[in-house]
Amino acid sequence: MPLTVETCTALHLGDREEQQDRAALFPHARHGGMLLAVLADGMGGHSGGAMAAEQVMHIARSSFAAYGPAQSVCEMLGDTISDAHTAIRLTRYTSEQDPHSTACLLMLHGNRADWAHCGDSRIYHYRNGKLLSRSSDHSYVADLVNKGLLTEAQAEQHPNKNLLVSCLGQLEPPQIAYGETAPLVAGDCFLLCSDGLWAHFSDDELGCILAQDGPRAAAEILIGQARERGEGAGDNISVVIVRLVEQGRPADRFR
């Protein structure tokens, strides 16, 4: 049976004074069946982070609009992150701010999905609630975990767990990691989110909520629980949920 998508984007200020996260979904204007999900967690005082995240959104939208099926998807995704990095660096030179941002891009096209990311915003791929893949953070503690020097549990308690080793806007070119999956099937669900959300959940908790509830309801539940667990010190929260369902599925199947 043909597949269709259910989607949701959501942002919450958290307990910060300014929203520096950005999230969006872009359908392709000329090619049906193509969808780009983008999420960016901006960093930098005095609106610098918001400006950096906006650069990611603007360049992703422009790159996707110019994309054609003859092009390499991975090349387009990587060039988008690199171009956004360059734009953020230029912004730094023309202002007194020090803007940085993470970037997550997920593209659905045909019967497959490709993604790229830099920083510690995450891309999760679940199938009927089971985790199939999760992007690896470009962070100091993630490097220690990968080297076997820390466990995941120890990393969660590490005082430098928010220290990034790569992001957009720093001096060095961004580290870009890629992922893909094919074919897509009913029950596939992709979650893009900033650390303001994932820091409060286990992988299994996220999968359970995404499997039981539609994208909008799931986003509301996730943000509500993250706010409670943040205990008055919560970060900005950004979420994009893209789920594949059978076309013609009864609307009341999910809450």
C-alpha atoms as a PDB file:
ATOM      1  CA  MET A   1       0.000   0.000   0.000  1.00  0.00           C
ATOM      2  CA  PRO A   2       1.349   3.522  -0.775  1.00  0.00           C
ATOM      3  CA  LEU A   3       2.841   5.507   2.084  1.00  0.00           C
ATOM      4  CA  THR A   4       2.118   9.016   3.239  1.00  0.00           C
ATOM      5  CA  VAL A   5       3.729  11.197   5.894  1.00  0.00           C
ATOM      6  CA  GLU A   6       2.479  12.656   9.144  1.00  0.00           C
ATOM      7  CA  THR A   7       4.617  15.535  10.405  1.00  0.00           C
ATOM      8  CA  CYS A   8       4.970  18.083  13.153  1.00  0.00           C
ATOM      9  CA  THR A   9       7.442  20.827  14.085  1.00  0.00           C
ATOM     10  CA  ALA A  10       7.459  22.394  17.533  1.00  0.00           C
ATOM     11  CA  LEU A  11       9.497  24.909  19.516  1.00  0.00           C
ATOM     12  CA  HIS A  12       9.454  25.906  23.177  1.00  0.00           C
ATOM     13  CA  LEU A  13      11.368  28.724  24.848  1.00  0.00           C
ATOM     14  CA  GLY A  14      12.087  26.654  27.928  1.00  0.00           C
ATOM     15  CA  ASP A  15      13.450  28.758  30.765  1.00  0.00           C
ATOM     16  CA  ARG A  16      15.679  30.883  28.531  1.00  0.00           C
ATOM     17  CA  GLU A  17      15.179  34.541  27.682  1.00  0.00           C
ATOM     18  CA  GLU A  18      15.404  33.991  23.940  1.00  0.00           C
ATOM     19  CA  GLN A  19      14.486  31.230  21.508  1.00  0.00           C
ATOM     20  CA  GLN A  20      17.655  30.368  19.573  1.00  0.00           C
ATOM     21  CA  ASP A  21      16.449  27.037  18.149  1.00  0.00           C
ATOM     22  CA  ARG A  22      14.871  26.802  14.703  1.00  0.00           C
ATOM     23  CA  ALA A  23      13.005  23.941  12.996  1.00  0.00           C
ATOM     24  CA  ALA A  24      11.197  23.619   9.673  1.00  0.00           C
ATOM     25  CA  LEU A  25       9.822  21.265   7.034  1.00  0.00           C
ATOM     26  CA  PHE A  26      10.209  22.132   3.347  1.00  0.00           C
ATOM     27  CA  PRO A  27       8.353  20.292   0.554  1.00  0.00           C
ATOM     28  CA  HIS A  28      10.017  20.566  -2.846  1.00  0.00           C
ATOM     29  CA  ALA A  29       8.209  23.010  -5.135  1.00  0.00           C
ATOM     30  CA  ARG A  30       9.010  21.155  -8.373  1.00  0.00           C
ATOM     31  CA  HIS A  31       9.445  17.506  -7.445  1.00  0.00           C
ATOM     32  CA  GLY A  32       6.703  15.625  -5.664  1.00  0.00           C
ATOM     33  CA  GLY A  33       7.579  13.119  -2.975  1.00  0.00           C
ATOM     34  CA  MET A  34      10.538  15.129  -1.662  1.00  0.00           C
ATOM     35  CA  LEU A  35      10.593  16.596   1.833  1.00  0.00           C
ATOM     36  CA  LEU A  36      13.425  18.241   3.769  1.00  0.00           C
ATOM     37  CA  ALA A  37      13.367  18.474   7.572  1.00  0.00           C
ATOM     38  CA  VAL A  38      15.811  20.936   9.156  1.00  0.00           C
ATOM     39  CA  LEU A  39      16.656  21.692  12.780  1.00  0.00           C
ATOM     40  CA  ALA A  40      19.281  24.046  14.211  1.00  0.00           C
ATOM     41  CA  ASP A  41      20.248  24.870  17.804  1.00  0.00           C
ATOM     42  CA  GLY A  42      21.857  28.302  17.784  1.00  0.00           C
ATOM     43  CA  MET A  43      24.496  29.343  20.301  1.00  0.00           C
ATOM     44  CA  GLY A  44      25.823  32.816  21.055  1.00  0.00           C
ATOM     45  CA  GLY A  45      24.764  35.732  23.210  1.00  0.00           C
ATOM     46  CA  HIS A  46      22.829  38.839  22.155  1.00  0.00           C
ATOM     47  CA  SER A  47      20.792  37.035  19.456  1.00  0.00           C
ATOM     48  CA  GLY A  48      23.919  35.558  17.878  1.00  0.00           C
ATOM     49  CA  GLY A  49      22.617  32.022  18.211  1.00  0.00           C
ATOM     50  CA  ALA A  50      19.278  32.912  16.691  1.00  0.00           C
ATOM     51  CA  MET A  51      21.035  34.531  13.736  1.00  0.00           C
ATOM     52  CA  ALA A  52      23.194  31.433  13.230  1.00  0.00           C
ATOM     53  CA  ALA A  53      20.193  29.089  13.318  1.00  0.00           C
ATOM     54  CA  GLU A  54      18.363  31.343  10.849  1.00  0.00           C
ATOM     55  CA  GLN A  55      21.309  31.040   8.475  1.00  0.00           C
ATOM     56  CA  VAL A  56      20.959  27.254   8.582  1.00  0.00           C
ATOM     57  CA  MET A  57      17.246  27.525   7.773  1.00  0.00           C
ATOM     58  CA  HIS A  58      17.736  30.031   4.951  1.00  0.00           C
ATOM     59  CA  ILE A  59      20.537  28.129   3.223  1.00  0.00           C
ATOM     60  CA  ALA A  60      18.807  24.765   3.624  1.00  0.00           C
ATOM     61  CA  ARG A  61      15.634  26.105   2.034  1.00  0.00           C
ATOM     62  CA  SER A  62      17.565  27.667  -0.871  1.00  0.00           C
ATOM     63  CA  SER A  63      19.710  24.566  -1.451  1.00  0.00           C
ATOM     64  CA  PHE A  64      16.703  22.269  -1.421  1.00  0.00           C
ATOM     65  CA  ALA A  65      14.758  24.510  -3.815  1.00  0.00           C
ATOM     66  CA  ALA A  66      17.651  24.309  -6.307  1.00  0.00           C
ATOM     67  CA  TYR A  67      18.075  20.542  -5.894  1.00  0.00           C
ATOM     68  CA  GLY A  68      17.289  18.207  -8.781  1.00  0.00           C
ATOM     69  CA  PRO A  69      17.070  14.377  -8.862  1.00  0.00           C
ATOM     70  CA  ALA A  70      20.257  14.168 -10.947  1.00  0.00           C
ATOM     71  CA  GLN A  71      22.297  15.620  -8.058  1.00  0.00           C
ATOM     72  CA  SER A  72      23.840  13.668  -5.196  1.00  0.00           C
ATOM     73  CA  VAL A  73      21.684  13.932  -2.091  1.00  0.00           C
ATOM     74  CA  CYS A  74      24.647  13.532   0.278  1.00  0.00           C
ATOM     75  CA  GLU A  75      26.563  16.196  -1.589  1.00  0.00           C
ATOM     76  CA  MET A  76      23.626  18.592  -1.340  1.00  0.00           C
ATOM     77  CA  LEU A  77      23.211  17.957   2.388  1.00  0.00           C
ATOM     78  CA  GLY A  78      26.937  18.326   3.084  1.00  0.00           C
ATOM     79  CA  ASP A  79      27.251  21.469   0.965  1.00  0.00           C
ATOM     80  CA  THR A  80      24.277  22.975   2.793  1.00  0.00           C
ATOM     81  CA  ILE A  81      25.955  22.523   6.174  1.00  0.00           C
ATOM     82  CA  SER A  82      29.300  23.795   4.858  1.00  0.00           C
ATOM     83  CA  ASP A  83      27.671  26.839   3.220  1.00  0.00           C
ATOM     84  CA  ALA A  84      25.774  27.615   6.414  1.00  0.00           C
ATOM     85  CA  HIS A  85      29.034  27.393   8.342  1.00  0.00           C
ATOM     86  CA  THR A  86      30.645  29.899   5.963  1.00  0.00           C
ATOM     87  CA  ALA A  87      27.683  32.260   6.252  1.00  0.00           C
ATOM     88  CA  ILE A  88      27.804  32.109  10.045  1.00  0.00           C
ATOM     89  CA  ARG A  89      31.523  32.845  10.008  1.00  0.00           C
ATOM     90  CA  LEU A  90      30.894  35.908   7.831  1.00  0.00           C
ATOM     91  CA  THR A  91      28.201  37.071  10.241  1.00  0.00           C
ATOM     92  CA  ARG A  92      30.753  36.899  13.029  1.00  0.00           C
ATOM     93  CA  TYR A  93      33.117  39.190  11.125  1.00  0.00           C
ATOM     94  CA  THR A  94      30.420  41.797  10.529  1.00  0.00           C
ATOM     95  CA  SER A  95      29.061  41.943  14.081  1.00  0.00           C
ATOM     96  CA  GLU A  96      30.180  41.867  17.697  1.00  0.00           C
ATOM     97  CA  GLN A  97      28.532  38.493  18.197  1.00  0.00           C
ATOM     98  CA  ASP A  98      30.016  35.007  18.317  1.00  0.00           C
ATOM     99  CA  PRO A  99      27.361  32.918  16.539  1.00  0.00           C
ATOM    100  CA  HIS A 100      27.408  29.130  16.328  1.00  0.00           C
ATOM    101  CA  SER A 101      24.834  26.486  15.524  1.00  0.00           C
ATOM    102  CA  THR A 102      24.220  22.788  15.236  1.00  0.00           C
ATOM    103  CA  ALA A 103      22.537  21.448  12.102  1.00  0.00           C
ATOM    104  CA  CYS A 104      20.358  18.413  11.346  1.00  0.00           C
ATOM    105  CA  LEU A 105      19.015  17.780   7.849  1.00  0.00           C
ATOM    106  CA  LEU A 106      16.808  14.852   6.849  1.00  0.00           C
ATOM    107  CA  MET A 107      15.593  14.358   3.280  1.00  0.00           C
ATOM    108  CA  LEU A 108      12.844  11.960   2.234  1.00  0.00           C
ATOM    109  CA  HIS A 109      12.819  11.202  -1.474  1.00  0.00           C
ATOM    110  CA  GLY A 110      11.299   8.315  -3.304  1.00  0.00           C
ATOM    111  CA  ASN A 111      11.494   5.270  -1.068  1.00  0.00           C
ATOM    112  CA  ARG A 112      14.489   6.305   1.025  1.00  0.00           C
ATOM    113  CA  ALA A 113      15.754   8.824   3.540  1.00  0.00           C
ATOM    114  CA  ASP A 114      19.184  10.463   3.797  1.00  0.00           C
ATOM    115  CA  TRP A 115      20.444  12.712   6.534  1.00  0.00           C
ATOM    116  CA  ALA A 116      23.444  14.733   7.694  1.00  0.00           C
ATOM    117  CA  HIS A 117      24.267  16.518  10.918  1.00  0.00           C
ATOM    118  CA  CYS A 118      26.898  18.453  12.846  1.00  0.00           C
ATOM    119  CA  GLY A 119      26.885  19.176  16.567  1.00  0.00           C
ATOM    120  CA  ASP A 120      24.803  17.625  19.340  1.00  0.00           C
ATOM    121  CA  SER A 121      21.303  18.018  17.944  1.00  0.00           C
ATOM    122  CA  ARG A 122      20.142  14.511  17.121  1.00  0.00           C
ATOM    123  CA  ILE A 123      18.427  12.500  14.404  1.00  0.00           C
ATOM    124  CA  TYR A 124      16.662   9.321  15.554  1.00  0.00           C
ATOM    125  CA  HIS A 125      15.184   6.630  13.310  1.00  0.00           C
ATOM    126  CA  TYR A 126      12.586   4.384  14.894  1.00  0.00           C
ATOM    127  CA  ARG A 127      10.473   1.656  13.326  1.00  0.00           C
ATOM    128  CA  ASN A 128       7.314   0.828  15.259  1.00  0.00           C
ATOM    129  CA  GLY A 129       8.976   2.165  18.403  1.00  0.00           C
ATOM    130  CA  LYS A 130      12.258   0.270  17.997  1.00  0.00           C
ATOM    131  CA  LEU A 131      15.403   2.342  17.608  1.00  0.00           C
ATOM    132  CA  LEU A 132      17.228   1.564  14.367  1.00  0.00           C
ATOM    133  CA  SER A 133      19.790   4.376  14.423  1.00  0.00           C
ATOM    134  CA  ARG A 134      20.750   7.542  16.286  1.00  0.00           C
ATOM    135  CA  SER A 135      23.220  10.191  15.223  1.00  0.00           C
ATOM    136  CA  SER A 136      26.413  10.446  17.273  1.00  0.00           C
ATOM    137  CA  ASP A 137      27.041  13.781  18.997  1.00  0.00           C
ATOM    138  CA  HIS A 138      30.061  15.834  18.048  1.00  0.00           C
ATOM    139  CA  SER A 139      30.865  16.429  21.700  1.00  0.00           C
ATOM    140  CA  TYR A 140      33.699  15.906  24.141  1.00  0.00           C
ATOM    141  CA  VAL A 141      31.914  13.220  26.152  1.00  0.00           C
ATOM    142  CA  ALA A 142      30.686  11.403  23.022  1.00  0.00           C
ATOM    143  CA  ASP A 143      34.315  11.112  21.912  1.00  0.00           C
ATOM    144  CA  LEU A 144      35.204   9.648  25.301  1.00  0.00           C
ATOM    145  CA  VAL A 145      32.345   7.151  25.038  1.00  0.00           C
ATOM    146  CA  ASN A 146      33.418   6.160  21.513  1.00  0.00           C
ATOM    147  CA  LYS A 147      36.947   5.550  22.799  1.00  0.00           C
ATOM    148  CA  GLY A 148      35.664   3.384  25.638  1.00  0.00           C
ATOM    149  CA  LEU A 149      36.797   5.834  28.317  1.00  0.00           C
ATOM    150  CA  LEU A 150      33.271   6.610  29.557  1.00  0.00           C
ATOM    151  CA  THR A 151      29.985   4.742  29.676  1.00  0.00           C
ATOM    152  CA  GLU A 152      26.780   6.364  28.440  1.00  0.00           C
ATOM    153  CA  ALA A 153      25.640   6.709  32.053  1.00  0.00           C
ATOM    154  CA  GLN A 154      28.904   8.386  33.082  1.00  0.00           C
ATOM    155  CA  ALA A 155      28.665  10.736  30.102  1.00  0.00           C
ATOM    156  CA  GLU A 156      25.244  11.925  31.271  1.00  0.00           C
ATOM    157  CA  GLN A 157      26.786  13.070  34.583  1.00  0.00           C
ATOM    158  CA  HIS A 158      29.996  14.504  33.144  1.00  0.00           C
ATOM    159  CA  PRO A 159      30.545  18.227  33.922  1.00  0.00           C
ATOM    160  CA  ASN A 160      31.639  18.866  30.305  1.00  0.00           C
ATOM    161  CA  LYS A 161      28.798  16.966  28.630  1.00  0.00           C
ATOM    162  CA  ASN A 162      27.679  20.098  26.732  1.00  0.00           C
ATOM    163  CA  LEU A 163      31.121  20.859  25.317  1.00  0.00           C
ATOM    164  CA  LEU A 164      31.069  20.500  21.525  1.00  0.00           C
ATOM    165  CA  VAL A 165      34.066  19.474  19.463  1.00  0.00           C
ATOM    166  CA  SER A 166      32.432  20.572  16.205  1.00  0.00           C
ATOM    167  CA  CYS A 167      29.641  22.928  15.211  1.00  0.00           C
ATOM    168  CA  LEU A 168      28.897  25.542  12.578  1.00  0.00           C
ATOM    169  CA  GLY A 169      30.633  28.879  13.026  1.00  0.00           C
ATOM    170  CA  GLN A 170      33.805  27.741  14.764  1.00  0.00           C
ATOM    171  CA  LEU A 171      37.265  28.266  13.244  1.00  0.00           C
ATOM    172  CA  GLU A 172      37.643  24.724  11.876  1.00  0.00           C
ATOM    173  CA  PRO A 173      35.407  23.330   9.125  1.00  0.00           C
ATOM    174  CA  PRO A 174      32.441  21.429  10.571  1.00  0.00           C
ATOM    175  CA  GLN A 175      32.544  17.676  11.019  1.00  0.00           C
ATOM    176  CA  ILE A 176      29.628  16.268   9.031  1.00  0.00           C
ATOM    177  CA  ALA A 177      28.200  12.816   9.658  1.00  0.00           C
ATOM    178  CA  TYR A 178      25.796  11.065   7.289  1.00  0.00           C
ATOM    179  CA  GLY A 179      23.146   8.374   7.483  1.00  0.00           C
ATOM    180  CA  GLU A 180      20.625   6.698   5.223  1.00  0.00           C
ATOM    181  CA  THR A 181      17.906   4.088   5.136  1.00  0.00           C
ATOM    182  CA  ALA A 182      15.987   2.308   2.382  1.00  0.00           C
ATOM    183  CA  PRO A 183      13.380   1.171   1.709  1.00  0.00           C
ATOM    184  CA  LEU A 184      10.993   3.194   3.839  1.00  0.00           C
ATOM    185  CA  VAL A 185       8.090   1.260   5.360  1.00  0.00           C
ATOM    186  CA  ALA A 186       4.975   2.048   7.347  1.00  0.00           C
ATOM    187  CA  GLY A 187       5.978   2.572  10.972  1.00  0.00           C
ATOM    188  CA  ASP A 188       9.207   4.407  10.192  1.00  0.00           C
ATOM    189  CA  CYS A 189       9.499   7.507  12.346  1.00  0.00           C
ATOM    190  CA  PHE A 190      12.237  10.131  12.322  1.00  0.00           C
ATOM    191  CA  LEU A 191      12.821  12.507  15.229  1.00  0.00           C
ATOM    192  CA  LEU A 192      15.066  15.553  14.966  1.00  0.00           C
ATOM    193  CA  CYS A 193      15.570  17.389  18.248  1.00  0.00           C
ATOM    194  CA  SER A 194      17.890  19.685  20.162  1.00  0.00           C
ATOM    195  CA  ASP A 195      19.562  18.750  23.439  1.00  0.00           C
ATOM    196  CA  GLY A 196      16.862  20.710  25.245  1.00  0.00           C
ATOM    197  CA  LEU A 197      14.667  17.692  24.549  1.00  0.00           C
ATOM    198  CA  TRP A 198      16.822  14.561  24.289  1.00  0.00           C
ATOM    199  CA  ALA A 199      18.757  15.307  27.489  1.00  0.00           C
ATOM    200  CA  HIS A 200      15.635  14.382  29.469  1.00  0.00           C
ATOM    201  CA  PHE A 201      14.778  11.043  27.840  1.00  0.00           C
ATOM    202  CA  SER A 202      16.177   7.593  27.251  1.00  0.00           C
ATOM    203  CA  ASP A 203      16.078   6.204  23.714  1.00  0.00           C
ATOM    204  CA  ASP A 204      13.396   3.712  24.769  1.00  0.00           C
ATOM    205  CA  GLU A 205      11.180   6.437  26.250  1.00  0.00           C
ATOM    206  CA  LEU A 206      11.311   8.427  23.044  1.00  0.00           C
ATOM    207  CA  GLY A 207      10.467   5.367  20.960  1.00  0.00           C
ATOM    208  CA  CYS A 208       7.508   4.452  23.139  1.00  0.00           C
ATOM    209  CA  ILE A 209       5.945   7.907  22.907  1.00  0.00           C
ATOM    210  CA  LEU A 210       6.535   8.162  19.161  1.00  0.00           C
ATOM    211  CA  ALA A 211       4.953   4.729  18.579  1.00  0.00           C
ATOM    212  CA  GLN A 212       1.865   5.381  20.668  1.00  0.00           C
ATOM    213  CA  ASP A 213       0.959   8.896  19.594  1.00  0.00           C
ATOM    214  CA  GLY A 214       0.677  10.872  16.367  1.00  0.00           C
ATOM    215  CA  PRO A 215       3.354  13.497  15.673  1.00  0.00           C
ATOM    216  CA  ARG A 216       1.469  16.459  17.143  1.00  0.00           C
ATOM    217  CA  ALA A 217       0.395  14.623  20.297  1.00  0.00           C
ATOM    218  CA  ALA A 218       3.873  13.113  20.686  1.00  0.00           C
ATOM    219  CA  ALA A 219       5.497  16.542  20.399  1.00  0.00           C
ATOM    220  CA  GLU A 220       3.174  17.929  23.066  1.00  0.00           C
ATOM    221  CA  ILE A 221       3.908  15.028  25.419  1.00  0.00           C
ATOM    222  CA  LEU A 222       7.670  15.191  24.866  1.00  0.00           C
ATOM    223  CA  ILE A 223       7.856  18.938  25.420  1.00  0.00           C
ATOM    224  CA  GLY A 224       5.602  18.750  28.472  1.00  0.00           C
ATOM    225  CA  GLN A 225       7.715  16.046  30.094  1.00  0.00           C
ATOM    226  CA  ALA A 226      10.961  17.820  29.203  1.00  0.00           C
ATOM    227  CA  ARG A 227       9.645  20.970  30.860  1.00  0.00           C
ATOM    228  CA  GLU A 228       8.755  19.048  34.009  1.00  0.00           C
ATOM    229  CA  ARG A 229      12.107  17.296  34.149  1.00  0.00           C
ATOM    230  CA  GLY A 230      13.953  20.560  33.501  1.00  0.00           C
ATOM    231  CA  GLU A 231      12.732  21.773  36.902  1.00  0.00           C
ATOM    232  CA  GLY A 232      12.859  25.451  36.010  1.00  0.00           C
ATOM    233  CA  ALA A 233      16.262  25.344  34.261  1.00  0.00           C
ATOM    234  CA  GLY A 234      15.241  23.970  30.882  1.00  0.00           C
ATOM    235  CA  ASP A 235      16.946  24.886  27.625  1.00  0.00           C
ATOM    236  CA  ASN A 236      15.246  25.883  24.376  1.00  0.00           C
ATOM    237  CA  ILE A 237      13.437  22.888  22.880  1.00  0.00           C
ATOM    238  CA  SER A 238      13.008  22.129  19.180  1.00  0.00           C
ATOM    239  CA  VAL A 239      11.399  19.069  17.628  1.00  0.00           C
ATOM    240  CA  VAL A 240      10.651  17.748  14.144  1.00  0.00           C
ATOM    241  CA  ILE A 241       8.730  14.481  13.781  1.00  0.00           C
ATOM    242  CA  VAL A 242       8.223  12.733  10.431  1.00  0.00           C
ATOM    243  CA  ARG A 243       6.334   9.449  10.405  1.00  0.00           C
ATOM    244  CA  LEU A 244       5.485   7.124   7.515  1.00  0.00           C
ATOM    245  CA  VAL A 245       2.005   5.569   7.532  1.00  0.00           C
ATOM    246  CA  GLU A 246      -0.093   3.598   5.084  1.00  0.00           C
ATOM    247  CA  GLN A 247      -2.127   5.855   2.843  1.00  0.00           C
ATOM    248  CA  GLY A 248      -5.767   5.690   3.814  1.00  0.00           C
ATOM    249  CA  ARG A 249      -5.015   4.661   7.408  1.00  0.00           C
ATOM    250  CA  PRO A 250      -7.963   5.478   9.721  1.00  0.00           C
ATOM    251  CA  ALA A 251      -7.399   8.878  11.318  1.00  0.00           C
ATOM    252  CA  ASP A 252      -8.287   7.631  14.825  1.00  0.00           C
ATOM    253  CA  ARG A 253      -5.661   4.906  14.883  1.00  0.00           C
ATOM    254  CA  PHE A 254      -3.335   7.189  16.825  1.00  0.00           C
ATOM    255  CA  ARG A 255      -4.217   9.546  19.634  1.00  0.00           C
END
